Amino acid sequence: MTKKIFISDLSNSVLGQLVYLAVVFVGGVLITRLLTPQDMGIFAIASLINSFAITISEAGLGGFLIRDREVSELKFNTVFTVNLFIGILLFLIIIATSPLIDSYFLEYEIRKIIIISSSVIIINSISVTQISRLFINESYFKYYFLRIISSFLGYSFGIYFALSGYAVFSLIYSQIIIAILFFILTLFYVNSSFRFAVSKDYLFKIKYFAFNTTISNIINSASNIIGTSLLAKYFSFSTVGNYDVSKKTAEVPTNGILSVCQNLFYPKLSKLQNFKSKFSEYYFAVNSIISIISLLFFITISIFSEVLIEFLYGEKYIQASDYFRLIMIYCLLLIFQIFPRITLKVFDQTKFILFQEFLKKIVFFLGIYISVLYNNFNVFLLFMVMAEVFGHIYFISIIYMNKKIPLFKFKIDLYLIFAVIFYLILLNLELNENIFYFLLFFSILTLLIISTNEGVFKSNNLRKLLR
């Protein structure tokens, strides 16, 4: 691939992602302003259950198709058949178990909301192969174009429903419409055929990859459901609603960066897996630059959390600003982990991703227990951040010691972790505002000087990012 083609791919991907995020963000803000924190808390429970089911239905098969160098129609049809079967099965399981959820939250109509919203699972299961085809062909702009159109129309309907008094159902209907429209659009723009077929050899080949990545995602999704349900039970739906609003706001830039890294750099790093020297150089360039830029951006945004939340959602969501600062640090750590995670997937070392999730969830549930014990929601958020700190340190340690993976320069990763921990300490100290900003500025300046000395900003590394 030439530099000119890569730059074109990168610009199309970034442009498409930015427009898509803008549509989703603005649509979400407009609907949220029309609803209450309690509505958002109820929707958070329903959306987490759907995310959990979608994670199982996808089973990591779409990701394996992307990294497969010899894809065929039989492989696509195998993934389509398996995903559809699992999606329908999960939809029926959710319907059958919905009374249990209703009995847990006695005073709310959770059951009806969850059953209606879970229809998205089936729609998503038949869209996986279409998405994989777009990424394999590196049709990034087309993918985001279809996402933009379906999201714009879906959120437009959602705003209409919210204005008409449908409350939390306006969000549910919006998500269903988006999923349906996206699938319909892929039928027109992606050349493909749907047939029920299963290759036993192919399923056997990907079972370990799918098992480790899927179990890892299942652990993450299941813990989020359990954790959020416990928080809603022992605090309130309004607290969970404010938490969910702040988390989704922080996830807008986070998902944009993660999506570009996953969809653009994952396929390119996969192609370099047999050229370990080039892989290592390319990894260092993109990981270091993206991580440092993300650090500067996220810390800047977190400083103005109260102003931002009140401006976007109004005074009724002002409690969300208390959570937003820590959640921004949590999301920043997710970005730090994306390239180590991609590396483990490229070299088929996904068992370490699975183990990392176990470690993080131990800290996660410990945080929930202590926050409930002391009736302090911020304790939970602090433990959530520390879980990601431990998770990132574990990732870079595993990659450094793994003989199957090229050796990388890890000093920058460690300096970034130290910078985050220092920022957390500053947030929890009752410092004079001038002293706080001075120490923060000094720590960031120190990080930039160290990064420059390590060669992060050399023109050679910048060229690797665009090559």
Protein backbone atom coordinates (compact mmCIF):
# COMPACT_ATOMS: atom_id res chain seq x y z
CA MET A 1 0.00 0.00 0.00
CA THR A 2 1.45 3.40 -0.99
CA LYS A 3 1.72 6.34 1.34
CA LYS A 4 -0.82 8.28 -0.75
CA ILE A 5 -3.41 5.50 -0.48
CA PHE A 6 -2.84 5.13 3.25
CA ILE A 7 -3.23 8.87 3.85
CA SER A 8 -6.45 8.74 1.83
CA ASP A 9 -7.71 5.81 3.94
CA LEU A 10 -6.74 7.58 7.15
CA SER A 11 -8.37 10.89 6.19
CA ASN A 12 -11.56 9.14 5.03
CA SER A 13 -11.71 7.09 8.21
CA VAL A 14 -11.10 10.04 10.50
CA LEU A 15 -13.50 12.32 8.60
CA GLY A 16 -16.23 9.70 8.55
CA GLN A 17 -15.70 8.89 12.22
CA LEU A 18 -15.82 12.56 13.23
CA VAL A 19 -19.08 13.19 11.37
CA TYR A 20 -20.59 9.97 12.71
CA LEU A 21 -19.62 10.85 16.29
CA ALA A 22 -21.02 14.35 15.83
CA VAL A 23 -24.38 12.95 14.70
CA VAL A 24 -24.52 10.42 17.56
CA PHE A 25 -23.38 12.98 20.12
CA VAL A 26 -25.77 15.74 19.11
CA GLY A 27 -28.67 13.28 18.77
CA GLY A 28 -27.92 11.79 22.17
CA VAL A 29 -27.64 15.22 23.83
CA LEU A 30 -30.94 16.43 22.38
CA ILE A 31 -32.83 13.32 23.51
CA THR A 32 -31.15 13.32 26.94
CA ARG A 33 -32.17 16.94 27.59
CA LEU A 34 -35.81 15.90 27.00
CA LEU A 35 -35.60 13.01 29.48
CA THR A 36 -34.86 12.68 33.21
CA PRO A 37 -31.85 11.08 34.95
CA GLN A 38 -34.21 8.28 36.03
CA ASP A 39 -35.15 7.57 32.38
CA MET A 40 -31.47 7.42 31.49
CA GLY A 41 -30.80 5.04 34.37
CA ILE A 42 -33.52 2.64 33.20
CA PHE A 43 -32.22 2.82 29.62
CA ALA A 44 -28.69 2.11 30.90
CA ILE A 45 -29.84 -1.24 32.31
CA ALA A 46 -31.60 -2.22 29.07
CA SER A 47 -28.69 -1.16 26.84
CA LEU A 48 -26.18 -3.08 28.98
CA ILE A 49 -28.22 -6.26 28.66
CA ASN A 50 -28.33 -5.79 24.90
CA SER A 51 -24.59 -5.16 24.73
CA PHE A 52 -24.00 -8.34 26.69
CA ALA A 53 -26.17 -10.38 24.32
CA ILE A 54 -24.63 -8.78 21.21
CA THR A 55 -21.16 -9.63 22.49
CA ILE A 56 -22.16 -13.30 22.77
CA SER A 57 -23.92 -13.37 19.40
CA GLU A 58 -20.90 -11.90 17.57
CA ALA A 59 -18.64 -14.45 19.31
CA GLY A 60 -15.50 -12.78 17.93
CA LEU A 61 -16.19 -14.25 14.49
CA GLY A 62 -16.31 -10.91 12.69
CA GLY A 63 -12.92 -9.97 14.09
CA PHE A 64 -11.43 -13.26 12.93
CA LEU A 65 -12.78 -12.68 9.41
CA ILE A 66 -10.95 -9.34 9.29
CA ARG A 67 -7.60 -10.89 10.23
CA ASP A 68 -8.12 -13.93 7.94
CA ARG A 69 -5.95 -13.58 4.84
CA GLU A 70 -7.95 -16.10 2.80
CA VAL A 71 -11.60 -15.26 3.29
CA SER A 72 -14.27 -17.02 1.19
CA GLU A 73 -18.03 -16.99 0.80
CA LEU A 74 -18.25 -20.21 2.81
CA LYS A 75 -16.50 -18.51 5.71
CA PHE A 76 -18.80 -15.49 5.48
CA ASN A 77 -21.86 -17.75 5.39
CA THR A 78 -20.56 -19.72 8.37
CA VAL A 79 -20.24 -16.56 10.43
CA PHE A 80 -23.67 -15.35 9.26
CA THR A 81 -25.37 -18.63 10.17
CA VAL A 82 -23.75 -18.95 13.59
CA ASN A 83 -24.37 -15.31 14.50
CA LEU A 84 -28.03 -15.45 13.48
CA PHE A 85 -28.64 -18.68 15.40
CA ILE A 86 -27.03 -17.31 18.57
CA GLY A 87 -28.86 -13.98 18.20
CA ILE A 88 -32.29 -15.62 18.01
CA LEU A 89 -31.46 -17.93 20.91
CA LEU A 90 -30.37 -15.03 23.11
CA PHE A 91 -33.50 -13.04 22.23
CA LEU A 92 -35.67 -15.95 23.41
CA ILE A 93 -33.60 -16.35 26.58
CA ILE A 94 -34.05 -12.67 27.45
CA ILE A 95 -37.82 -12.96 26.98
CA ALA A 96 -37.93 -16.05 29.19
CA THR A 97 -35.85 -14.50 31.99
CA SER A 98 -37.34 -10.99 31.90
CA PRO A 99 -39.74 -11.67 34.83
CA LEU A 100 -36.68 -12.16 37.07
CA ILE A 101 -35.44 -8.68 36.14
CA ASP A 102 -38.90 -7.26 36.80
CA SER A 103 -38.95 -8.77 40.28
CA TYR A 104 -35.53 -7.26 41.06
CA PHE A 105 -36.70 -3.74 40.20
CA LEU A 106 -40.24 -3.93 41.55
CA GLU A 107 -41.47 -0.38 40.91
CA TYR A 108 -40.42 -0.03 37.25
CA GLU A 109 -41.59 -1.51 33.94
CA ILE A 110 -38.18 -2.93 33.16
CA ARG A 111 -39.48 -6.15 31.58
CA LYS A 112 -41.36 -4.47 28.73
CA ILE A 113 -38.47 -2.13 28.01
CA ILE A 114 -35.91 -4.94 27.87
CA ILE A 115 -38.02 -7.20 25.62
CA ILE A 116 -38.61 -4.43 23.08
CA SER A 117 -35.03 -3.22 23.08
CA SER A 118 -33.57 -6.73 22.75
CA SER A 119 -34.89 -7.01 19.18
CA VAL A 120 -31.72 -5.08 18.25
CA ILE A 121 -29.75 -8.28 19.01
CA ILE A 122 -31.19 -10.17 16.03
CA ILE A 123 -30.74 -7.20 13.68
CA ASN A 124 -27.14 -6.79 14.77
CA SER A 125 -26.36 -10.51 14.36
CA ILE A 126 -27.19 -10.40 10.64
CA SER A 127 -25.11 -7.25 10.10
CA VAL A 128 -21.78 -8.65 11.34
CA THR A 129 -20.64 -10.13 8.02
CA GLN A 130 -21.62 -6.95 6.18
CA ILE A 131 -19.44 -4.89 8.50
CA SER A 132 -16.57 -7.38 8.12
CA ARG A 133 -16.74 -7.10 4.32
CA LEU A 134 -16.46 -3.32 4.53
CA PHE A 135 -13.39 -3.46 6.78
CA ILE A 136 -11.68 -6.22 4.79
CA ASN A 137 -12.08 -4.10 1.65
CA GLU A 138 -10.93 -1.07 3.68
CA SER A 139 -14.15 0.76 2.73
CA TYR A 140 -13.97 2.95 5.81
CA PHE A 141 -15.72 5.97 4.36
CA LYS A 142 -18.60 3.85 3.07
CA TYR A 143 -19.00 2.24 6.50
CA TYR A 144 -19.20 5.59 8.28
CA PHE A 145 -21.44 7.04 5.58
CA LEU A 146 -23.99 4.29 6.21
CA ARG A 147 -23.65 4.78 9.97
CA ILE A 148 -24.18 8.53 9.61
CA ILE A 149 -27.36 8.19 7.53
CA SER A 150 -28.94 5.54 9.76
CA SER A 151 -27.99 7.38 12.99
CA PHE A 152 -29.27 10.74 11.76
CA LEU A 153 -32.66 9.29 10.83
CA GLY A 154 -32.85 7.14 13.96
CA TYR A 155 -32.10 10.01 16.34
CA SER A 156 -34.52 12.26 14.45
CA PHE A 157 -37.30 9.76 15.16
CA GLY A 158 -36.05 9.48 18.76
CA ILE A 159 -36.34 13.24 19.31
CA TYR A 160 -39.86 13.17 17.88
CA PHE A 161 -40.84 10.34 20.24
CA ALA A 162 -39.30 12.19 23.22
CA LEU A 163 -41.24 15.35 22.39
CA SER A 164 -44.38 13.22 22.10
CA GLY A 165 -43.98 11.96 25.67
CA TYR A 166 -42.63 8.44 25.06
CA ALA A 167 -40.00 8.96 27.79
CA VAL A 168 -37.42 6.12 27.91
CA PHE A 169 -39.10 4.35 24.96
CA SER A 170 -37.97 7.19 22.67
CA LEU A 171 -34.38 5.97 23.15
CA ILE A 172 -35.37 2.33 22.67
CA TYR A 173 -37.22 3.02 19.41
CA SER A 174 -34.35 5.20 18.21
CA GLN A 175 -31.81 2.37 18.64
CA ILE A 176 -34.06 -0.14 16.86
CA ILE A 177 -34.59 2.20 13.90
CA ILE A 178 -30.85 2.86 13.62
CA ALA A 179 -30.07 -0.89 13.55
CA ILE A 180 -32.74 -1.63 10.92
CA LEU A 181 -31.75 1.26 8.67
CA PHE A 182 -28.06 0.39 8.83
CA PHE A 183 -28.71 -3.22 7.81
CA ILE A 184 -31.00 -2.17 4.95
CA LEU A 185 -28.40 0.29 3.66
CA THR A 186 -25.66 -2.37 3.71
CA LEU A 187 -27.84 -4.53 1.47
CA PHE A 188 -27.66 -1.83 -1.22
CA TYR A 189 -24.02 -0.80 -0.80
CA VAL A 190 -22.24 -4.10 -0.02
CA ASN A 191 -22.06 -6.89 -2.58
CA SER A 192 -22.90 -10.03 -0.64
CA SER A 193 -25.19 -13.02 -0.41
CA PHE A 194 -26.75 -14.67 2.64
CA ARG A 195 -26.83 -18.44 2.79
CA PHE A 196 -27.17 -20.87 5.66
CA ALA A 197 -23.95 -22.87 5.67
CA VAL A 198 -21.44 -24.00 8.28
CA SER A 199 -17.81 -25.01 7.79
CA LYS A 200 -16.79 -27.24 10.69
CA ASP A 201 -13.12 -26.81 9.80
CA TYR A 202 -13.40 -23.04 9.94
CA LEU A 203 -15.24 -23.07 13.26
CA PHE A 204 -12.57 -25.38 14.69
CA LYS A 205 -9.85 -23.04 13.41
CA ILE A 206 -11.25 -19.96 15.12
CA LYS A 207 -12.64 -21.51 18.28
CA TYR A 208 -9.73 -20.49 20.52
CA PHE A 209 -9.55 -16.97 19.10
CA ALA A 210 -13.32 -16.56 19.40
CA PHE A 211 -13.46 -18.19 22.82
CA ASN A 212 -10.82 -16.01 24.45
CA THR A 213 -11.94 -12.71 22.94
CA THR A 214 -15.63 -13.46 23.44
CA ILE A 215 -15.26 -14.68 27.02
CA SER A 216 -13.23 -11.57 27.75
CA ASN A 217 -15.98 -9.34 26.35
CA ILE A 218 -18.66 -11.41 28.10
CA ILE A 219 -16.91 -10.95 31.44
CA ASN A 220 -16.71 -7.22 30.80
CA SER A 221 -20.37 -6.90 29.72
CA ALA A 222 -21.73 -9.19 32.44
CA SER A 223 -19.85 -7.34 35.17
CA ASN A 224 -21.20 -4.02 33.84
CA ILE A 225 -24.76 -5.37 34.02
CA ILE A 226 -24.33 -6.78 37.52
CA GLY A 227 -22.45 -3.72 38.72
CA THR A 228 -24.92 -1.21 37.29
CA SER A 229 -27.87 -3.20 38.65
CA LEU A 230 -26.34 -3.22 42.12
CA LEU A 231 -25.64 0.50 41.95
CA ALA A 232 -29.22 1.18 40.82
CA LYS A 233 -30.54 -0.99 43.66
CA TYR A 234 -28.43 0.49 46.47
CA PHE A 235 -28.17 4.08 45.23
CA SER A 236 -30.89 5.06 42.72
CA PHE A 237 -31.80 5.03 39.05
CA SER A 238 -31.13 8.77 39.00
CA THR A 239 -27.57 8.19 40.23
CA VAL A 240 -27.05 5.52 37.57
CA GLY A 241 -28.62 7.86 35.00
CA ASN A 242 -26.16 10.64 35.83
CA TYR A 243 -23.33 8.12 35.77
CA ASP A 244 -24.48 6.79 32.39
CA VAL A 245 -24.78 10.29 30.92
CA SER A 246 -21.27 11.23 32.04
CA LYS A 247 -19.90 7.91 30.81
CA LYS A 248 -21.52 8.21 27.39
CA THR A 249 -20.28 11.77 27.05
CA ALA A 250 -16.74 10.64 27.80
CA GLU A 251 -17.12 7.71 25.42
CA VAL A 252 -17.78 9.98 22.42
CA PRO A 253 -14.11 10.90 21.85
CA THR A 254 -12.99 7.57 23.34
CA ASN A 255 -14.99 5.44 20.92
CA GLY A 256 -13.85 7.61 18.05
CA ILE A 257 -10.19 7.00 18.83
CA LEU A 258 -10.71 3.31 19.65
CA SER A 259 -12.72 2.75 16.50
CA VAL A 260 -10.09 4.34 14.25
CA CYS A 261 -7.35 2.33 15.95
CA GLN A 262 -9.31 -0.92 15.77
CA ASN A 263 -10.67 -0.52 12.26
CA LEU A 264 -7.66 1.12 10.62
CA PHE A 265 -4.54 0.03 12.50
CA TYR A 266 -5.63 -3.51 13.42
CA PRO A 267 -5.79 -4.68 9.77
CA LYS A 268 -2.49 -2.92 8.99
CA LEU A 269 -0.67 -4.34 12.00
CA SER A 270 -2.05 -7.77 11.10
CA LYS A 271 -0.34 -7.50 7.71
CA LEU A 272 2.99 -6.76 9.45
CA GLN A 273 2.86 -9.70 11.85
CA ASN A 274 5.50 -11.63 9.87
CA PHE A 275 7.84 -8.61 9.74
CA LYS A 276 8.61 -8.17 13.42
CA SER A 277 11.07 -5.32 13.07
CA LYS A 278 8.66 -3.24 10.99
CA PHE A 279 5.80 -4.21 13.31
CA SER A 280 7.74 -2.99 16.36
CA GLU A 281 8.69 0.32 14.74
CA TYR A 282 5.18 0.96 13.50
CA TYR A 283 3.68 0.04 16.88
CA PHE A 284 5.96 2.45 18.75
CA ALA A 285 5.15 5.32 16.38
CA VAL A 286 1.35 5.06 16.39
CA ASN A 287 0.95 3.98 20.02
CA SER A 288 3.16 6.70 21.49
CA ILE A 289 1.79 9.59 19.45
CA ILE A 290 -1.89 8.66 19.83
CA SER A 291 -1.51 8.00 23.58
CA ILE A 292 0.22 11.32 24.31
CA ILE A 293 -2.23 13.37 22.25
CA SER A 294 -5.12 11.58 23.99
CA LEU A 295 -3.62 12.32 27.42
CA LEU A 296 -3.42 16.05 26.70
CA PHE A 297 -6.94 16.17 25.27
CA PHE A 298 -8.68 14.13 28.00
CA ILE A 299 -7.06 15.94 30.93
CA THR A 300 -7.96 19.31 29.39
CA ILE A 301 -11.61 18.26 28.97
CA SER A 302 -11.82 16.78 32.47
CA ILE A 303 -10.74 20.08 34.04
CA PHE A 304 -13.83 21.81 32.62
CA SER A 305 -16.25 18.95 33.43
CA GLU A 306 -18.83 21.01 35.35
CA VAL A 307 -19.13 23.70 32.68
CA LEU A 308 -19.35 21.11 29.92
CA ILE A 309 -22.03 18.92 31.52
CA GLU A 310 -24.24 21.85 32.49
CA PHE A 311 -23.93 23.36 29.01
CA LEU A 312 -24.83 20.10 27.26
CA TYR A 313 -27.56 18.66 29.49
CA GLY A 314 -28.78 21.44 31.80
CA GLU A 315 -28.92 21.79 35.56
CA LYS A 316 -30.89 18.58 36.18
CA TYR A 317 -27.78 16.58 35.22
CA ILE A 318 -25.31 18.65 37.27
CA GLN A 319 -24.52 15.62 39.45
CA ALA A 320 -23.04 13.96 36.37
CA SER A 321 -20.19 16.49 36.40
CA ASP A 322 -19.00 15.01 39.71
CA TYR A 323 -18.47 11.67 37.95
CA PHE A 324 -17.28 12.97 34.59
CA ARG A 325 -13.72 13.84 35.64
CA LEU A 326 -12.87 10.34 36.87
CA ILE A 327 -14.66 8.69 33.95
CA MET A 328 -12.54 10.69 31.51
CA ILE A 329 -9.41 9.23 33.14
CA TYR A 330 -10.98 5.77 32.96
CA CYS A 331 -11.60 6.23 29.21
CA LEU A 332 -8.07 7.54 28.69
CA LEU A 333 -6.70 4.31 30.15
CA LEU A 334 -8.85 2.33 27.71
CA ILE A 335 -7.10 4.18 24.87
CA PHE A 336 -3.70 3.36 26.38
CA GLN A 337 -4.66 -0.33 26.23
CA ILE A 338 -5.91 -0.49 22.64
CA PHE A 339 -2.55 -1.14 20.95
CA PRO A 340 -1.38 -3.77 23.45
CA ARG A 341 -4.79 -5.42 23.02
CA ILE A 342 -4.49 -5.31 19.21
CA THR A 343 -0.98 -6.78 19.46
CA LEU A 344 -2.19 -9.74 21.52
CA LYS A 345 -4.96 -10.38 18.99
CA VAL A 346 -2.60 -10.13 16.01
CA PHE A 347 -0.23 -12.72 17.50
CA ASP A 348 -3.12 -14.92 18.69
CA GLN A 349 -2.33 -14.44 22.38
CA THR A 350 -5.92 -13.63 23.35
CA LYS A 351 -5.78 -15.79 26.48
CA PHE A 352 -3.99 -12.88 28.18
CA ILE A 353 -6.87 -10.55 27.27
CA LEU A 354 -9.18 -12.97 29.03
CA PHE A 355 -7.03 -13.13 32.16
CA GLN A 356 -6.73 -9.36 32.25
CA GLU A 357 -10.51 -9.05 32.37
CA PHE A 358 -10.61 -11.38 35.37
CA LEU A 359 -8.06 -9.21 37.19
CA LYS A 360 -9.88 -5.98 36.40
CA LYS A 361 -13.27 -7.31 37.48
CA ILE A 362 -11.94 -8.38 40.86
CA VAL A 363 -10.98 -4.74 41.48
CA PHE A 364 -14.26 -3.57 39.90
CA PHE A 365 -16.52 -5.56 42.24
CA LEU A 366 -14.35 -4.73 45.23
CA GLY A 367 -15.01 -1.08 44.38
CA ILE A 368 -18.77 -1.67 44.23
CA TYR A 369 -18.74 -3.41 47.61
CA ILE A 370 -16.77 -0.64 49.32
CA SER A 371 -18.82 2.15 47.67
CA VAL A 372 -22.07 0.55 48.89
CA LEU A 373 -20.56 -0.08 52.32
CA TYR A 374 -19.57 3.59 52.73
CA ASN A 375 -22.45 4.96 50.61
CA ASN A 376 -20.01 6.85 48.38
CA PHE A 377 -20.41 6.51 44.62
CA ASN A 378 -17.06 8.20 43.89
CA VAL A 379 -15.27 5.32 45.61
CA PHE A 380 -16.64 3.01 42.92
CA LEU A 381 -15.38 5.35 40.18
CA LEU A 382 -11.91 5.50 41.75
CA PHE A 383 -11.70 1.70 41.88
CA MET A 384 -12.89 1.56 38.27
CA VAL A 385 -9.95 3.77 37.25
CA MET A 386 -7.44 1.78 39.30
CA ALA A 387 -8.66 -1.46 37.69
CA GLU A 388 -7.66 -0.05 34.29
CA VAL A 389 -4.28 1.08 35.65
CA PHE A 390 -3.54 -2.46 36.82
CA GLY A 391 -4.90 -3.87 33.53
CA HIS A 392 -2.58 -1.71 31.43
CA ILE A 393 0.49 -2.56 33.50
CA TYR A 394 -0.39 -6.24 33.13
CA PHE A 395 -0.69 -5.92 29.32
CA ILE A 396 2.67 -4.25 28.76
CA SER A 397 4.34 -6.72 31.14
CA ILE A 398 2.93 -9.72 29.23
CA ILE A 399 3.93 -8.34 25.83
CA TYR A 400 7.42 -7.53 27.04
CA MET A 401 7.96 -11.08 28.38
CA ASN A 402 6.25 -12.93 25.51
CA LYS A 403 8.81 -14.40 23.08
CA LYS A 404 6.25 -14.66 20.26
CA ILE A 405 5.84 -10.88 20.15
CA PRO A 406 8.50 -8.35 19.05
CA LEU A 407 10.14 -6.34 21.83
CA PHE A 408 8.83 -2.79 22.16
CA LYS A 409 9.94 0.39 23.91
CA PHE A 410 7.81 0.58 27.03
CA LYS A 411 9.21 3.64 28.78
CA ILE A 412 6.55 5.90 27.28
CA ASP A 413 3.77 3.57 28.48
CA LEU A 414 5.13 3.69 32.02
CA TYR A 415 5.55 7.48 31.96
CA LEU A 416 1.93 7.83 30.82
CA ILE A 417 0.72 5.65 33.70
CA PHE A 418 2.74 7.72 36.19
CA ALA A 419 1.20 10.90 34.71
CA VAL A 420 -2.33 9.54 35.18
CA ILE A 421 -1.65 8.46 38.78
CA PHE A 422 -0.15 11.87 39.55
CA TYR A 423 -3.25 13.57 38.11
CA LEU A 424 -5.51 11.37 40.28
CA ILE A 425 -3.52 12.39 43.35
CA LEU A 426 -3.89 16.07 42.44
CA LEU A 427 -7.66 15.65 42.05
CA ASN A 428 -7.99 14.15 45.51
CA LEU A 429 -5.86 16.76 47.27
CA GLU A 430 -7.55 19.95 48.41
CA LEU A 431 -5.07 22.24 46.71
CA ASN A 432 -5.26 25.91 45.91
CA GLU A 433 -6.40 26.31 42.30
CA ASN A 434 -3.19 28.06 41.23
CA ILE A 435 -1.03 25.34 42.81
CA PHE A 436 -3.15 22.63 41.17
CA TYR A 437 -2.72 24.10 37.70
CA PHE A 438 0.99 24.74 38.24
CA LEU A 439 1.67 21.13 39.27
CA LEU A 440 -0.47 19.82 36.43
CA PHE A 441 1.31 22.01 33.87
CA PHE A 442 4.71 20.99 35.28
CA SER A 443 3.88 17.25 35.07
CA ILE A 444 2.64 17.52 31.48
CA LEU A 445 5.69 19.56 30.44
CA THR A 446 7.95 16.92 32.03
CA LEU A 447 6.13 14.18 30.10
CA LEU A 448 6.55 16.04 26.80
CA ILE A 449 10.27 16.57 27.42
CA ILE A 450 10.76 12.88 28.22
CA SER A 451 8.76 11.88 25.16
CA THR A 452 10.89 14.11 22.95
CA ASN A 453 14.06 12.59 24.37
CA GLU A 454 12.68 9.11 23.68
CA GLY A 455 12.24 10.07 20.03
CA VAL A 456 8.43 10.00 19.95
CA PHE A 457 8.10 13.20 17.94
CA LYS A 458 10.90 12.53 15.46
CA SER A 459 9.86 13.16 11.88
CA ASN A 460 10.74 9.54 11.13
CA ASN A 461 8.11 8.33 13.60
CA LEU A 462 5.54 10.78 12.30
CA ARG A 463 6.15 9.45 8.79
CA LYS A 464 5.55 5.90 10.07
CA LEU A 465 2.15 6.99 11.30
CA LEU A 466 1.21 7.95 7.75
CA ARG A 467 2.96 5.14 5.90
